[in-house]
N, C-alpha and C. Protein backbone atom coordinates (compact mmCIF):
# COMPACT_ATOMS: atom_id res chain seq x y z
N MET A 1 -3.52 7.85 0.35
CA MET A 1 -3.17 8.88 -0.65
C MET A 1 -3.77 8.38 -1.97
N LEU A 2 -4.15 9.13 -2.80
CA LEU A 2 -4.57 9.04 -4.16
C LEU A 2 -3.53 9.39 -4.94
N HIS A 3 -2.94 8.64 -5.83
CA HIS A 3 -1.88 8.88 -6.80
C HIS A 3 -2.48 8.87 -8.10
N ILE A 4 -2.26 9.96 -8.99
CA ILE A 4 -2.79 10.11 -10.21
C ILE A 4 -1.66 10.07 -11.21
N VAL A 5 -1.88 9.12 -12.26
CA VAL A 5 -0.83 9.01 -13.34
C VAL A 5 -1.61 9.25 -14.63
N ASN A 6 -0.88 10.19 -15.45
CA ASN A 6 -1.60 10.64 -16.60
C ASN A 6 -0.63 10.39 -17.80
N LYS A 7 0.68 9.84 -17.59
CA LYS A 7 1.34 9.59 -18.74
C LYS A 7 1.63 8.30 -19.10
N SER A 8 1.89 7.74 -20.26
CA SER A 8 2.06 6.41 -20.86
C SER A 8 3.30 5.83 -20.02
N PRO A 9 3.17 4.69 -19.42
CA PRO A 9 4.25 4.04 -19.03
C PRO A 9 5.36 3.72 -19.95
N PHE A 10 5.09 3.93 -21.09
CA PHE A 10 6.05 3.54 -22.33
C PHE A 10 6.87 4.78 -22.58
N GLN A 11 6.52 5.88 -22.13
CA GLN A 11 7.24 7.21 -22.54
C GLN A 11 7.89 7.78 -21.23
N THR A 12 7.38 7.49 -20.05
CA THR A 12 8.05 8.21 -18.97
C THR A 12 8.13 7.10 -17.69
N GLN A 13 8.83 7.48 -16.73
CA GLN A 13 8.86 6.45 -15.63
C GLN A 13 8.06 6.96 -14.32
N SER A 14 7.02 7.70 -14.75
CA SER A 14 5.98 8.21 -13.65
C SER A 14 5.38 7.18 -12.93
N LEU A 15 4.76 6.14 -13.72
CA LEU A 15 4.05 5.05 -13.06
C LEU A 15 5.04 4.34 -12.15
N GLU A 16 6.34 3.81 -12.59
CA GLU A 16 7.10 3.16 -11.91
C GLU A 16 7.48 3.79 -10.63
N THR A 17 7.76 5.11 -10.59
CA THR A 17 7.97 5.85 -9.46
C THR A 17 6.95 6.02 -8.54
N CYS A 18 5.67 6.18 -9.01
CA CYS A 18 4.46 6.14 -8.28
C CYS A 18 4.26 4.90 -7.53
N LEU A 19 4.53 3.69 -8.16
CA LEU A 19 4.31 2.52 -7.50
C LEU A 19 5.29 2.29 -6.44
N ARG A 20 6.52 2.71 -6.57
CA ARG A 20 7.60 2.68 -5.61
C ARG A 20 7.02 3.43 -4.23
N PHE A 21 6.62 4.48 -4.44
CA PHE A 21 6.17 5.37 -3.33
C PHE A 21 4.68 4.97 -2.68
N ALA A 22 3.90 4.47 -3.55
CA ALA A 22 2.49 4.02 -3.08
C ALA A 22 2.56 3.15 -1.97
N GLN A 23 2.08 3.54 -0.76
CA GLN A 23 2.07 2.72 0.37
C GLN A 23 0.54 1.78 0.32
N ALA A 24 0.86 0.81 1.23
CA ALA A 24 -0.43 -0.17 1.25
C ALA A 24 -1.63 0.84 1.78
N GLY A 25 -2.66 0.42 1.02
CA GLY A 25 -3.84 1.21 1.45
C GLY A 25 -4.25 2.29 0.58
N SER A 26 -3.26 2.74 -0.23
CA SER A 26 -3.41 3.97 -1.13
C SER A 26 -4.17 3.49 -2.32
N ALA A 27 -4.40 4.53 -3.37
CA ALA A 27 -5.04 4.12 -4.49
C ALA A 27 -4.09 4.69 -5.65
N VAL A 28 -4.15 4.13 -6.81
CA VAL A 28 -3.73 4.82 -8.07
C VAL A 28 -4.86 4.82 -9.13
N LEU A 29 -4.84 6.16 -9.61
CA LEU A 29 -5.89 6.27 -10.73
C LEU A 29 -5.09 6.80 -12.02
N LEU A 30 -5.64 5.87 -13.05
CA LEU A 30 -4.91 6.08 -14.43
C LEU A 30 -5.83 6.91 -15.13
N ILE A 31 -5.28 8.07 -15.67
CA ILE A 31 -6.04 9.01 -16.46
C ILE A 31 -5.20 9.08 -17.85
N GLU A 32 -5.93 9.64 -18.83
CA GLU A 32 -5.40 10.00 -20.06
C GLU A 32 -4.46 8.87 -20.65
N ASP A 33 -3.33 9.17 -21.06
CA ASP A 33 -2.37 8.06 -21.68
C ASP A 33 -1.94 7.14 -20.60
N GLY A 34 -2.08 7.36 -19.20
CA GLY A 34 -1.67 6.56 -18.20
C GLY A 34 -2.40 5.25 -18.04
N ILE A 35 -3.64 5.16 -18.81
CA ILE A 35 -4.42 4.01 -18.87
C ILE A 35 -3.82 2.93 -19.57
N TYR A 36 -2.82 3.21 -20.24
CA TYR A 36 -2.07 2.05 -21.08
C TYR A 36 -1.49 0.93 -20.11
N ALA A 37 -1.06 1.55 -18.87
CA ALA A 37 -0.45 0.77 -17.96
C ALA A 37 -1.40 -0.44 -17.61
N ALA A 38 -2.91 -0.19 -17.81
CA ALA A 38 -3.81 -1.33 -17.45
C ALA A 38 -3.98 -2.29 -18.40
N SER A 39 -3.28 -2.34 -19.47
CA SER A 39 -3.43 -3.28 -20.70
C SER A 39 -2.96 -4.51 -20.45
N THR A 40 -3.72 -5.50 -20.76
CA THR A 40 -3.33 -7.05 -20.60
C THR A 40 -2.39 -7.18 -21.94
N GLY A 41 -1.29 -7.96 -21.46
CA GLY A 41 -0.33 -8.28 -22.49
C GLY A 41 0.81 -7.38 -22.76
N SER A 42 0.68 -6.26 -21.95
CA SER A 42 1.90 -5.25 -21.96
C SER A 42 2.96 -5.45 -21.14
N SER A 43 4.05 -5.10 -21.17
CA SER A 43 5.23 -5.05 -20.37
C SER A 43 5.09 -4.56 -18.97
N THR A 44 3.72 -3.96 -18.63
CA THR A 44 3.56 -3.24 -17.31
C THR A 44 2.52 -4.39 -16.61
N GLU A 45 1.99 -5.25 -17.34
CA GLU A 45 0.88 -6.22 -16.76
C GLU A 45 1.43 -6.80 -15.35
N ALA A 46 2.51 -7.30 -15.35
CA ALA A 46 3.05 -8.08 -14.09
C ALA A 46 3.16 -6.95 -12.94
N ARG A 47 3.75 -5.81 -13.23
CA ARG A 47 3.95 -4.76 -12.22
C ARG A 47 2.66 -4.39 -11.73
N MET A 48 1.66 -4.21 -12.50
CA MET A 48 0.33 -3.71 -12.11
C MET A 48 -0.24 -4.85 -11.32
N ARG A 49 -0.20 -6.09 -11.73
CA ARG A 49 -0.75 -7.13 -10.93
C ARG A 49 -0.21 -7.31 -9.47
N GLU A 50 1.12 -7.04 -9.54
CA GLU A 50 1.78 -7.08 -8.32
C GLU A 50 1.35 -5.84 -7.31
N ALA A 51 1.15 -4.74 -7.88
CA ALA A 51 0.77 -3.50 -7.09
C ALA A 51 -0.52 -3.77 -6.55
N SER A 52 -1.31 -4.35 -7.32
CA SER A 52 -2.91 -4.65 -6.93
C SER A 52 -2.98 -5.38 -5.53
N ALA A 53 -1.80 -5.82 -5.16
CA ALA A 53 -2.01 -6.80 -3.83
C ALA A 53 -1.83 -5.64 -2.64
N THR A 54 -1.46 -4.64 -2.96
CA THR A 54 -1.47 -3.64 -1.72
C THR A 54 -2.06 -2.44 -2.20
N VAL A 55 -2.40 -1.89 -3.23
CA VAL A 55 -3.02 -0.60 -3.54
C VAL A 55 -4.21 -0.96 -4.48
N LYS A 56 -5.24 -0.07 -4.43
CA LYS A 56 -6.43 -0.13 -4.99
C LYS A 56 -6.11 0.51 -6.51
N LEU A 57 -6.47 -0.08 -7.58
CA LEU A 57 -5.96 0.54 -8.89
C LEU A 57 -7.53 0.93 -9.71
N TYR A 58 -7.42 2.02 -10.23
CA TYR A 58 -8.62 2.69 -10.97
C TYR A 58 -8.20 3.24 -12.31
N ALA A 59 -9.06 3.20 -13.05
CA ALA A 59 -8.77 3.90 -14.31
C ALA A 59 -9.97 4.60 -14.94
N LEU A 60 -9.90 5.78 -15.39
CA LEU A 60 -10.93 6.75 -15.83
C LEU A 60 -11.61 6.20 -17.00
N LYS A 61 -12.88 5.67 -17.00
CA LYS A 61 -13.45 5.21 -18.11
C LYS A 61 -13.64 5.93 -19.22
N PRO A 62 -13.84 7.44 -19.23
CA PRO A 62 -14.00 8.00 -20.39
C PRO A 62 -12.64 8.05 -21.28
N ASP A 63 -11.47 7.87 -20.46
CA ASP A 63 -10.13 7.65 -21.05
C ASP A 63 -9.98 6.37 -21.57
N VAL A 64 -10.50 5.38 -21.07
CA VAL A 64 -10.28 3.97 -21.51
C VAL A 64 -11.17 3.83 -22.72
N ASP A 65 -12.34 4.58 -22.61
CA ASP A 65 -13.23 4.24 -23.95
C ASP A 65 -12.60 5.15 -25.22
N ALA A 66 -12.13 6.25 -24.92
CA ALA A 66 -11.49 7.03 -25.82
C ALA A 66 -10.35 6.37 -26.61
N ARG A 67 -9.75 5.48 -25.89
CA ARG A 67 -8.58 4.63 -26.48
C ARG A 67 -9.00 3.27 -26.77
N ALA A 68 -10.40 3.01 -26.75
CA ALA A 68 -10.77 1.58 -27.12
C ALA A 68 -10.11 0.39 -26.42
N MET A 69 -9.79 0.72 -25.08
CA MET A 69 -9.17 -0.18 -24.29
C MET A 69 -10.11 -1.20 -23.34
N GLY A 70 -11.50 -0.80 -23.50
CA GLY A 70 -12.23 -1.57 -22.64
C GLY A 70 -12.37 -3.18 -22.48
N THR A 71 -11.94 -3.75 -23.53
CA THR A 71 -11.82 -5.25 -23.45
C THR A 71 -10.35 -5.70 -23.32
N ARG A 72 -9.38 -4.73 -23.08
CA ARG A 72 -8.06 -5.21 -22.89
C ARG A 72 -7.44 -4.87 -21.42
N LEU A 73 -8.35 -4.49 -20.61
CA LEU A 73 -7.90 -4.19 -19.14
C LEU A 73 -7.74 -5.51 -18.32
N ILE A 74 -6.67 -5.12 -17.42
CA ILE A 74 -6.17 -6.17 -16.48
C ILE A 74 -7.33 -6.30 -15.42
N ASP A 75 -7.55 -7.60 -15.08
CA ASP A 75 -8.41 -7.85 -13.98
C ASP A 75 -8.01 -6.99 -12.77
N GLY A 76 -9.14 -6.50 -12.06
CA GLY A 76 -8.57 -5.80 -10.76
C GLY A 76 -8.65 -4.37 -10.92
N ILE A 77 -8.66 -3.88 -12.09
CA ILE A 77 -8.72 -2.43 -12.34
C ILE A 77 -10.14 -2.19 -12.07
N THR A 78 -10.52 -1.09 -11.52
CA THR A 78 -11.74 -0.59 -11.34
C THR A 78 -12.20 0.73 -12.20
N LEU A 79 -12.90 0.59 -13.06
CA LEU A 79 -13.26 1.79 -13.79
C LEU A 79 -14.05 2.89 -12.91
N VAL A 80 -13.87 4.08 -13.13
CA VAL A 80 -14.56 5.24 -12.60
C VAL A 80 -14.99 6.24 -13.63
N ASP A 81 -16.02 6.89 -13.47
CA ASP A 81 -16.42 8.05 -14.42
C ASP A 81 -15.88 9.46 -13.58
N TYR A 82 -16.24 10.46 -14.12
CA TYR A 82 -15.74 11.71 -13.49
C TYR A 82 -16.23 11.96 -12.17
N ALA A 83 -17.65 11.28 -11.88
CA ALA A 83 -18.05 11.62 -10.57
C ALA A 83 -17.25 10.61 -9.49
N GLY A 84 -16.89 9.50 -9.96
CA GLY A 84 -16.07 8.54 -9.42
C GLY A 84 -14.66 9.05 -8.98
N PHE A 85 -14.23 9.84 -10.02
CA PHE A 85 -12.94 10.61 -9.89
C PHE A 85 -12.98 11.67 -8.63
N VAL A 86 -14.16 12.33 -8.69
CA VAL A 86 -14.51 13.20 -7.53
C VAL A 86 -14.64 12.44 -6.11
N ASP A 87 -15.24 11.40 -6.10
CA ASP A 87 -15.42 10.67 -5.02
C ASP A 87 -14.14 10.24 -4.40
N LEU A 88 -13.14 9.66 -5.33
CA LEU A 88 -11.78 9.27 -4.98
C LEU A 88 -11.12 10.35 -4.20
N THR A 89 -11.09 11.65 -4.75
CA THR A 89 -10.44 12.64 -4.19
C THR A 89 -11.13 13.06 -2.81
N LEU A 90 -12.35 12.70 -2.58
CA LEU A 90 -12.94 12.86 -1.18
C LEU A 90 -12.46 11.86 -0.20
N GLU A 91 -12.43 10.54 -0.76
CA GLU A 91 -12.12 9.44 -0.08
C GLU A 91 -10.57 9.43 0.42
N TYR A 92 -9.70 9.98 -0.56
CA TYR A 92 -8.38 10.11 -0.20
C TYR A 92 -7.98 11.70 -0.23
N PRO A 93 -7.82 12.36 0.98
CA PRO A 93 -7.70 13.72 0.83
C PRO A 93 -6.46 14.18 0.48
N THR A 94 -5.51 13.40 0.52
CA THR A 94 -3.99 13.65 0.06
C THR A 94 -3.95 13.28 -1.46
N VAL A 95 -3.73 13.97 -2.41
CA VAL A 95 -3.55 13.58 -3.87
C VAL A 95 -2.27 13.91 -4.41
N GLN A 96 -1.59 13.15 -5.13
CA GLN A 96 -0.36 13.32 -5.70
C GLN A 96 -0.45 12.94 -7.22
N SER A 97 -0.26 14.21 -8.14
CA SER A 97 -0.22 13.84 -9.43
C SER A 97 1.22 13.51 -9.90
N TRP A 98 1.37 12.51 -10.72
CA TRP A 98 2.74 12.04 -11.20
C TRP A 98 2.71 12.53 -12.71
N LEU A 99 3.50 13.65 -12.99
CA LEU A 99 3.69 14.15 -14.38
C LEU A 99 4.81 13.66 -14.95
């Protein structure tokens, strides 16, 4: 399953809820303000590193660039462009958006 998180982890619990439900082998794509969860030195860094042991973590590059986060991403987060976003939806036919 592909889980898509678009809200900041500092404003909602969407990311934490998503990670509780994400099973091994699934993927989490951070978009819009959700990309703040991928920031080094943040309160979410340890949780994201823990999650990366069982799920694949992605961030939408245009959103990372728009927020000038390119140099502050946690290791292990794969950047994807819009075509990569589409590829993920094909690779994981079940998609859950966490609002």
